Amino acid sequence: MIIREIKKDDNAKVKKIIQDSLKSLGLAIPGTAYFDPQLNDLHQYYSNLKHANYWVVEIDGEVQVELV
């Protein structure tokens, strides 16, 4: 298991994880992160923030939604 900063290649997987999670809770509605345009490029968004990072968990080379 590796905990690391998000990379550009992670954008699609992280977006899917976030949207799938929100949808499973009935929160795929306007006003939630489900429709946030920043989800398309979280790597770029967080790269531009001075005091923030976005961290992901990678297991066997794949970003994970949960630890098993």
Protein backbone atom coordinates (compact mmCIF):
# COMPACT_ATOMS: atom_id res chain seq x y z
CA MET A 1 0.00 0.00 0.00
CA ILE A 2 1.27 3.43 -0.96
CA ILE A 3 -0.21 6.74 0.15
CA ARG A 4 0.78 9.46 -2.30
CA GLU A 5 -0.26 12.73 -3.85
CA ILE A 6 -2.69 12.53 -6.74
CA LYS A 7 -1.20 12.32 -10.25
CA LYS A 8 -2.79 13.47 -13.50
CA ASP A 9 -3.33 9.83 -14.48
CA ASP A 10 -5.49 9.36 -11.35
CA ASN A 11 -8.12 11.93 -12.32
CA ALA A 12 -10.61 9.59 -14.03
CA LYS A 13 -10.38 6.90 -11.32
CA VAL A 14 -10.79 9.37 -8.45
CA LYS A 15 -13.74 11.03 -10.19
CA LYS A 16 -15.39 7.63 -10.63
CA ILE A 17 -14.80 6.72 -6.98
CA ILE A 18 -16.31 10.00 -5.76
CA GLN A 19 -19.30 9.89 -8.09
CA ASP A 20 -20.02 6.20 -7.43
CA SER A 21 -19.89 6.82 -3.68
CA LEU A 22 -22.24 9.79 -3.85
CA LYS A 23 -24.62 7.96 -6.18
CA SER A 24 -24.79 4.96 -3.82
CA LEU A 25 -25.92 7.34 -1.07
CA GLY A 26 -28.54 9.04 -3.24
CA LEU A 27 -26.44 12.19 -3.49
CA ALA A 28 -25.97 12.43 -7.26
CA ILE A 29 -27.81 15.73 -7.14
CA PRO A 30 -26.98 19.32 -8.08
CA GLY A 31 -25.12 21.17 -5.36
CA THR A 32 -22.97 18.19 -4.35
CA ALA A 33 -19.46 17.27 -5.43
CA TYR A 34 -21.06 14.87 -7.93
CA PHE A 35 -21.44 17.75 -10.38
CA ASP A 36 -18.34 19.73 -9.34
CA PRO A 37 -16.39 20.68 -12.49
CA GLN A 38 -13.13 20.33 -10.51
CA LEU A 39 -13.65 16.55 -10.50
CA ASN A 40 -12.45 16.45 -14.10
CA ASP A 41 -8.92 17.47 -13.09
CA LEU A 42 -8.37 17.24 -9.34
CA HIS A 43 -4.63 16.94 -9.92
CA GLN A 44 -4.47 20.36 -11.56
CA TYR A 45 -6.85 21.92 -9.06
CA TYR A 46 -4.82 20.81 -6.04
CA SER A 47 -1.51 21.61 -7.74
CA ASN A 48 -2.62 25.24 -7.83
CA LEU A 49 -3.42 25.40 -4.12
CA LYS A 50 -0.59 26.60 -1.92
CA HIS A 51 -1.53 24.83 1.32
CA ALA A 52 -3.43 21.74 0.19
CA ASN A 53 -2.77 18.31 -1.29
CA TYR A 54 -5.01 15.50 -2.46
CA TRP A 55 -3.85 12.09 -1.30
CA VAL A 56 -4.76 8.69 -2.74
CA VAL A 57 -4.16 5.10 -1.66
CA GLU A 58 -2.54 2.86 -4.24
CA ILE A 59 -2.48 -0.91 -3.93
CA ASP A 60 -0.77 -3.03 -6.56
CA GLY A 61 -0.49 -0.02 -8.86
CA GLU A 62 -4.20 0.86 -8.66
CA VAL A 63 -5.89 3.74 -6.81
CA GLN A 64 -8.35 2.21 -4.35
CA VAL A 65 -11.68 3.26 -2.93
CA GLU A 66 -11.30 1.11 0.16
CA LEU A 67 -8.69 -0.87 1.98
CA VAL A 68 -9.25 -4.62 1.97
